Protein backbone atom coordinates (compact mmCIF):
# COMPACT_ATOMS: atom_id res chain seq x y z
CA UNK A 1 0.00 0.00 0.00
CA UNK A 2 1.54 3.32 -1.05
CA UNK A 3 1.10 6.05 1.52
CA UNK A 4 1.86 9.69 0.84
CA UNK A 5 1.94 12.96 2.66
CA UNK A 6 2.14 15.03 -0.47
CA UNK A 7 -0.96 16.94 -1.42
CA UNK A 8 -1.42 14.93 -4.59
CA UNK A 9 -1.77 11.74 -2.54
CA UNK A 10 -4.74 12.84 -0.43
CA UNK A 11 -8.29 13.88 -1.09
CA UNK A 12 -9.31 17.51 -0.97
CA UNK A 13 -11.43 16.80 2.07
CA UNK A 14 -8.30 16.17 4.09
CA UNK A 15 -6.91 19.66 3.45
CA UNK A 16 -7.44 22.81 5.48
CA UNK A 17 -8.12 26.20 3.87
CA UNK A 18 -7.40 29.88 4.49
CA UNK A 19 -3.75 29.90 3.51
CA UNK A 20 -2.73 33.50 2.96
CA UNK A 21 0.29 35.62 2.14
CA UNK A 22 1.65 38.47 4.27
CA UNK A 23 4.60 40.09 2.54
CA UNK A 24 7.32 37.44 2.32
CA UNK A 25 5.49 35.08 4.67
CA UNK A 26 3.08 32.27 3.87
CA UNK A 27 0.63 31.80 6.76
CA UNK A 28 -0.75 28.29 7.11
CA UNK A 29 -3.43 27.33 9.68
CA UNK A 30 -2.39 24.28 11.71
CA UNK A 31 -3.55 22.60 14.89
CA UNK A 32 -2.59 24.87 17.77
CA UNK A 33 -2.44 28.09 15.76
CA UNK A 34 -0.68 29.25 12.62
CA UNK A 35 2.66 28.51 10.99
CA UNK A 36 4.41 31.43 9.29
CA UNK A 37 6.86 30.36 6.59
CA UNK A 38 9.31 33.10 5.58
CA UNK A 39 10.12 32.29 1.97
CA UNK A 40 13.36 34.28 2.16
CA UNK A 41 15.06 31.67 4.33
CA UNK A 42 12.40 29.02 5.20
CA UNK A 43 12.15 30.07 8.83
CA UNK A 44 8.94 28.60 10.25
CA UNK A 45 7.42 30.20 13.33
CA UNK A 46 4.24 29.39 15.22
CA UNK A 47 3.35 28.82 18.86
CA UNK A 48 6.88 27.34 18.91
CA UNK A 49 9.67 27.81 16.39
CA UNK A 50 9.35 24.91 13.96
CA UNK A 51 12.48 25.75 11.98
CA UNK A 52 15.26 28.28 12.01
CA UNK A 53 16.57 29.58 8.69
CA UNK A 54 17.74 26.95 6.22
CA UNK A 55 21.45 26.22 6.48
CA UNK A 56 21.63 26.29 2.67
CA UNK A 57 21.80 29.50 0.62
CA UNK A 58 18.47 29.50 -1.18
CA UNK A 59 18.94 32.56 -3.34
CA UNK A 60 16.16 35.02 -4.08
CA UNK A 61 12.69 33.45 -3.93
CA UNK A 62 10.25 33.79 -6.80
CA UNK A 63 6.75 35.19 -6.54
CA UNK A 64 4.34 33.49 -4.14
CA UNK A 65 1.06 32.24 -5.56
CA UNK A 66 -1.90 30.71 -3.73
CA UNK A 67 -3.88 28.09 -5.64
CA UNK A 68 -6.91 26.76 -3.79
CA UNK A 69 -5.46 25.35 -0.56
CA UNK A 70 -1.76 25.56 -1.42
CA UNK A 71 0.94 28.17 -1.66
CA UNK A 72 3.64 27.86 -4.31
CA UNK A 73 6.99 29.54 -4.80
CA UNK A 74 10.41 28.68 -6.15
CA UNK A 75 14.11 29.40 -5.79
CA UNK A 76 15.19 29.83 -9.41
CA UNK A 77 18.90 30.03 -8.64
CA UNK A 78 18.77 26.60 -7.02
CA UNK A 79 16.16 25.01 -9.27
CA UNK A 80 13.93 24.31 -6.28
CA UNK A 81 10.12 24.39 -6.31
CA UNK A 82 8.16 24.51 -3.04
CA UNK A 83 4.53 23.90 -2.10
CA UNK A 84 3.13 24.51 1.38
CA UNK A 85 -0.27 23.32 2.53
CA UNK A 86 -2.23 22.45 5.67
CA UNK A 87 -3.09 18.79 5.91
CA UNK A 88 -4.74 17.11 8.90
CA UNK A 89 -3.53 19.88 11.19
CA UNK A 90 0.06 19.76 9.97
CA UNK A 91 2.13 22.10 7.85
CA UNK A 92 3.22 19.96 4.90
CA UNK A 93 6.07 21.26 2.74
CA UNK A 94 6.76 19.50 -0.56
CA UNK A 95 9.91 20.30 -2.51
CA UNK A 96 11.12 19.28 -5.94
CA UNK A 97 14.73 19.84 -6.92
CA UNK A 98 16.07 20.08 -10.46
CA UNK A 99 19.57 18.71 -10.76
CA UNK A 100 21.73 17.17 -8.05
CA UNK A 101 21.87 19.33 -4.93
CA UNK A 102 21.46 19.28 -1.17
CA UNK A 103 19.14 21.24 1.08
CA UNK A 104 19.78 21.62 4.82
CA UNK A 105 16.31 22.22 6.28
CA UNK A 106 14.51 22.16 8.65
CA UNK A 107 16.89 23.42 11.31
CA UNK A 108 15.31 22.45 14.60
CA UNK A 109 15.63 22.60 18.36
CA UNK A 110 15.78 26.31 19.23
CA UNK A 111 14.12 26.88 22.59
CA UNK A 112 13.58 23.17 23.16
CA UNK A 113 14.10 21.34 26.43
CA UNK A 114 14.23 17.73 25.26
CA UNK A 115 14.87 15.92 21.97
CA UNK A 116 12.91 12.81 21.02
CA UNK A 117 14.68 10.50 18.59
CA UNK A 118 13.51 7.01 17.48
CA UNK A 119 16.93 5.45 17.64
CA UNK A 120 16.57 1.84 18.76
CA UNK A 121 13.72 1.70 21.25
CA UNK A 122 13.57 5.50 21.41
CA UNK A 123 15.39 8.28 23.22
CA UNK A 124 14.28 11.43 25.02
CA UNK A 125 17.38 13.54 25.60
CA UNK A 126 17.72 16.83 27.52
CA UNK A 127 19.18 19.16 24.88
CA UNK A 128 21.66 20.62 27.39
CA UNK A 129 22.93 17.25 28.60
CA UNK A 130 26.74 17.33 28.58
CA UNK A 131 27.04 13.63 27.76
CA UNK A 132 24.96 13.86 24.58
CA UNK A 133 26.60 17.14 23.54
CA UNK A 134 29.99 15.42 23.57
CA UNK A 135 31.01 14.36 20.02
CA UNK A 136 32.55 11.18 21.46
CA UNK A 137 29.06 9.98 22.44
CA UNK A 138 28.17 9.50 18.78
CA UNK A 139 25.17 11.80 18.36
CA UNK A 140 26.88 15.08 17.53
CA UNK A 141 28.94 14.84 14.37
CA UNK A 142 29.39 15.86 10.77
CA UNK A 143 27.85 12.92 8.91
CA UNK A 144 24.46 12.69 10.55
CA UNK A 145 22.21 9.65 10.66
CA UNK A 146 20.24 8.40 7.68
CA UNK A 147 16.54 8.67 8.45
CA UNK A 148 15.99 5.24 6.94
CA UNK A 149 18.30 3.84 9.65
CA UNK A 150 16.14 5.18 12.45
CA UNK A 151 13.38 2.94 13.77
CA UNK A 152 10.83 5.35 12.28
CA UNK A 153 11.29 8.47 10.11
CA UNK A 154 10.48 11.25 12.57
CA UNK A 155 11.91 13.25 15.42
CA UNK A 156 10.48 15.72 17.91
CA UNK A 157 11.16 18.24 20.65
CA UNK A 158 9.55 19.19 23.93
CA UNK A 159 9.53 22.76 25.19
CA UNK A 160 7.43 22.55 28.33
CA UNK A 161 3.71 22.65 27.53
CA UNK A 162 4.38 22.72 23.78
CA UNK A 163 6.60 20.85 21.39
CA UNK A 164 7.25 20.09 17.74
CA UNK A 165 7.00 17.01 15.54
CA UNK A 166 8.74 16.36 12.22
CA UNK A 167 7.64 13.53 9.90
CA UNK A 168 9.63 12.77 6.74
CA UNK A 169 8.15 10.20 4.33
CA UNK A 170 10.99 10.81 1.85
CA UNK A 171 13.49 9.23 4.24
CA UNK A 172 15.76 7.79 1.54
CA UNK A 173 18.33 10.43 0.68
CA UNK A 174 17.68 12.31 3.92
CA UNK A 175 20.02 12.51 6.92
CA UNK A 176 19.45 14.02 10.34
CA UNK A 177 22.53 15.54 11.93
CA UNK A 178 23.05 17.14 15.32
CA UNK A 179 25.39 19.89 16.44
CA UNK A 180 26.12 21.37 19.84
CA UNK A 181 25.40 25.12 19.90
CA UNK A 182 26.33 26.77 23.20
CA UNK A 183 26.03 23.39 24.88
CA UNK A 184 22.57 22.66 23.45
CA UNK A 185 21.62 20.13 20.79
CA UNK A 186 20.36 21.45 17.46
CA UNK A 187 19.14 19.20 14.66
CA UNK A 188 19.39 19.76 10.91
CA UNK A 189 17.82 17.56 8.26
CA UNK A 190 19.71 17.38 4.96
CA UNK A 191 18.09 16.01 1.81
CA UNK A 192 20.04 15.01 -1.28
CA UNK A 193 18.11 15.68 -4.47
CA UNK A 194 19.32 13.17 -7.05
CA UNK A 195 17.63 12.03 -10.23
CA UNK A 196 19.83 8.91 -10.39
CA UNK A 197 18.79 7.82 -6.90
CA UNK A 198 15.15 8.75 -7.34
CA UNK A 199 15.28 11.31 -4.53
CA UNK A 200 14.20 14.36 -6.49
CA UNK A 201 11.37 15.17 -4.08
CA UNK A 202 11.45 16.01 -0.38
CA UNK A 203 8.47 16.20 1.97
CA UNK A 204 8.40 17.32 5.60
CA UNK A 205 5.33 17.56 7.85
CA UNK A 206 5.75 19.94 10.78
CA UNK A 207 3.36 19.97 13.74
CA UNK A 208 2.90 21.70 17.06
CA UNK A 209 2.43 19.15 19.85
CA UNK A 210 1.53 19.16 23.54
CA UNK A 211 5.17 18.71 24.53
CA UNK A 212 4.80 15.10 25.65
CA UNK A 213 7.92 12.96 25.12
CA UNK A 214 5.79 10.60 23.00
CA UNK A 215 3.96 13.34 21.08
CA UNK A 216 6.00 12.94 17.88
CA UNK A 217 5.51 9.17 17.97
CA UNK A 218 1.75 9.65 18.43
CA UNK A 219 1.74 12.11 15.53
CA UNK A 220 3.45 9.53 13.33
CA UNK A 221 1.00 6.84 14.40
CA UNK A 222 -1.92 9.19 13.71
CA UNK A 223 -0.58 9.78 10.21
CA UNK A 224 -0.36 6.06 9.54
CA UNK A 225 -3.93 5.62 10.73
CA UNK A 226 -5.09 8.49 8.51
CA UNK A 227 -3.30 7.01 5.51
CA UNK A 228 -4.39 3.41 6.12
CA UNK A 229 -0.89 2.37 7.06
CA UNK A 230 -1.83 0.37 10.16
CA UNK A 231 -3.52 -2.98 9.76
CA UNK A 232 -4.60 -5.46 12.40
CA UNK A 233 -2.98 -8.85 12.62
CA UNK A 234 -6.30 -10.39 11.59
CA UNK A 235 -6.22 -8.34 8.39
CA UNK A 236 -2.70 -9.51 7.65
CA UNK A 237 -3.65 -13.14 8.27
CA UNK A 238 -6.54 -12.75 5.83
CA UNK A 239 -4.03 -11.57 3.21
CA UNK A 240 -1.46 -14.25 4.01
CA UNK A 241 -2.75 -17.19 6.10
CA UNK A 242 0.81 -18.30 6.93
CA UNK A 243 1.05 -15.21 9.14
CA UNK A 244 -1.15 -17.05 11.65
CA UNK A 245 1.75 -19.43 12.26
CA UNK A 246 3.62 -16.57 13.97
CA UNK A 247 1.04 -16.22 16.74
CA UNK A 248 2.60 -17.72 19.86
CA UNK A 249 5.57 -19.04 17.88
CA UNK A 250 9.03 -19.51 19.34
CA UNK A 251 11.82 -17.88 17.33
CA UNK A 252 15.09 -19.73 16.89
CA UNK A 253 18.20 -19.50 14.72
CA UNK A 254 19.78 -22.69 13.40
CA UNK A 255 23.36 -23.73 12.69
CA UNK A 256 25.27 -26.97 12.30
CA UNK A 257 23.10 -30.07 12.64
CA UNK A 258 20.20 -27.83 13.72
CA UNK A 259 19.41 -27.44 10.02
CA UNK A 260 18.79 -31.14 9.40
CA UNK A 261 15.50 -33.02 8.89
CA UNK A 262 16.25 -34.95 12.09
CA UNK A 263 16.32 -31.70 14.08
CA UNK A 264 12.97 -30.67 12.63
CA UNK A 265 11.44 -33.99 13.65
CA UNK A 266 12.98 -33.70 17.12
CA UNK A 267 11.40 -30.26 17.63
CA UNK A 268 8.01 -31.67 16.69
CA UNK A 269 8.50 -34.64 19.04
CA UNK A 270 9.17 -32.17 21.86
CA UNK A 271 5.68 -30.77 21.36
CA UNK A 272 6.70 -27.50 19.71
CA UNK A 273 3.88 -26.80 17.29
CA UNK A 274 4.71 -23.21 16.34
CA UNK A 275 8.22 -22.14 15.36
CA UNK A 276 9.88 -19.44 13.31
CA UNK A 277 13.22 -20.88 12.24
CA UNK A 278 15.93 -18.79 10.63
CA UNK A 279 19.49 -19.45 9.56
CA UNK A 280 22.34 -17.55 7.97
CA UNK A 281 22.33 -17.31 4.19
CA UNK A 282 25.66 -19.08 3.81
CA UNK A 283 27.17 -22.01 1.89
CA UNK A 284 25.30 -24.59 4.00
CA UNK A 285 21.59 -23.91 3.47
CA UNK A 286 18.90 -26.22 4.74
CA UNK A 287 18.19 -29.10 2.39
CA UNK A 288 14.89 -29.49 0.58
CA UNK A 289 14.03 -32.41 2.88
CA UNK A 290 14.71 -30.32 5.98
CA UNK A 291 12.55 -27.45 4.73
CA UNK A 292 9.73 -29.80 3.77
CA UNK A 293 9.92 -31.52 7.17
CA UNK A 294 9.74 -28.15 8.94
CA UNK A 295 6.84 -27.02 6.78
CA UNK A 296 4.95 -30.26 7.42
CA UNK A 297 5.35 -29.63 11.15
CA UNK A 298 3.69 -26.24 10.72
CA UNK A 299 6.86 -24.20 11.07
CA UNK A 300 7.95 -21.12 9.15
CA UNK A 301 11.54 -21.48 7.99
CA UNK A 302 13.92 -19.54 5.79
CA UNK A 303 17.35 -17.89 5.51
CA UNK A 304 18.11 -14.54 7.07
CA UNK A 305 18.95 -12.21 4.18
CA UNK A 306 20.14 -8.62 4.32
CA UNK A 307 19.21 -7.24 0.94
CA UNK A 308 20.12 -3.71 1.97
CA UNK A 309 23.77 -4.72 2.40
CA UNK A 310 24.85 -5.19 -1.22
CA UNK A 311 28.64 -5.27 -1.52
CA UNK A 312 31.04 -5.08 -4.44
CA UNK A 313 31.57 -8.71 -5.55
CA UNK A 314 35.13 -7.82 -6.58
CA UNK A 315 36.05 -7.14 -2.96
CA UNK A 316 35.87 -9.05 0.30
CA UNK A 317 32.19 -9.80 0.92
CA UNK A 318 31.34 -10.61 4.54
CA UNK A 319 27.94 -12.20 3.82
CA UNK A 320 27.00 -14.45 0.88
CA UNK A 321 23.63 -12.75 0.45
CA UNK A 322 25.46 -9.45 0.01
CA UNK A 323 27.28 -10.68 -3.11
CA UNK A 324 25.14 -9.43 -6.00
CA UNK A 325 25.83 -10.97 -9.42
CA UNK A 326 27.14 -9.23 -12.51
CA UNK A 327 24.45 -7.21 -14.19
CA UNK A 328 22.98 -6.27 -10.85
CA UNK A 329 26.03 -4.69 -9.24
CA UNK A 330 26.53 -1.78 -9.49
CA UNK A 331 24.16 -0.37 -12.12
CA UNK A 332 20.84 -1.93 -11.21
CA UNK A 333 21.64 -1.94 -7.50
CA UNK A 334 22.03 1.81 -7.44
CA UNK A 335 18.75 2.37 -9.24
CA UNK A 336 16.71 0.18 -6.91
CA UNK A 337 17.31 2.49 -3.95
CA UNK A 338 14.57 5.03 -4.58
CA UNK A 339 12.42 7.27 -2.46
CA UNK A 340 9.43 5.14 -1.50
CA UNK A 341 7.43 7.54 0.61
CA UNK A 342 5.39 5.71 3.21
CA UNK A 343 5.15 2.48 1.21
CA UNK A 344 7.55 0.57 3.45
CA UNK A 345 6.08 1.87 6.68
CA UNK A 346 2.86 -0.14 6.77
CA UNK A 347 4.43 -3.24 8.27
CA UNK A 348 3.37 -2.59 11.88
CA UNK A 349 0.48 -4.64 13.22
CA UNK A 350 -2.10 -3.77 15.85
CA UNK A 351 -3.48 -6.75 17.74
């Protein structure tokens, strides 16, 4: 299921109206008040500051136009087109870049007290914490973290009774970096516009929240619900009945003689009726007989592959599944990594 935040992916009934222009500012009604986007530098102010000025020189903006429920403008010197709209209480900014370039925006965290980051199981970090402001800790640095490597593509801030949420469906090609400014964490999202990588568009949804440390996560969940991105386990079982075999199943990884038909029969003799069995994708895969024995016992079984870890076959490859054959590496491999919006984010189940 393809999910999108862009205006073209939603019905008109989901949009809010009354966008207006005040000089160089586009004023967009959002939940909690209004967001004022200064087109000169992409500063976004509201009940809280949603973004400081872009860290990229944008050049002189073109004329602002308002078409129905959207505002449009461009940065001709950069070949960058921008649309701002209100959607489900959020300020949604869609950008399209012509040619390869980078944009460092939004620049976030001014006036915040805590940062919420979905790294691993999730972090809520005081922005003035000396430990996290130390580059040796691994958060502050030059490279930043790819949004696709976070558990979910969002981040947020708390500033007492208010906060901010940032959702980025175009996570491929986008990194989130942190710097320490006067001992306080500041975050900057950088998007690489690239036709070859399929990352020529960039979408960010900015929201004012109640300042809760889980507000950004709830905002992301609400978006998935609005876009049909959350399905119950029963719905998934209806699509793929084998999914039912995961309910109450033990998970185990196999090696050595654990991959044999005899081991499968032994597990069944022990009374284990539900199993998810995985093994490394190496030179000793499970035999057809072993797989058929496991399947007959009602188990789900298969190799553990890491398709996102393609490596140059001419070099030292540390995982057999990472060795892509000629004709796939490097040409096709580079073209398969495209911006997928929310399409890959509908895997979560609600029981």
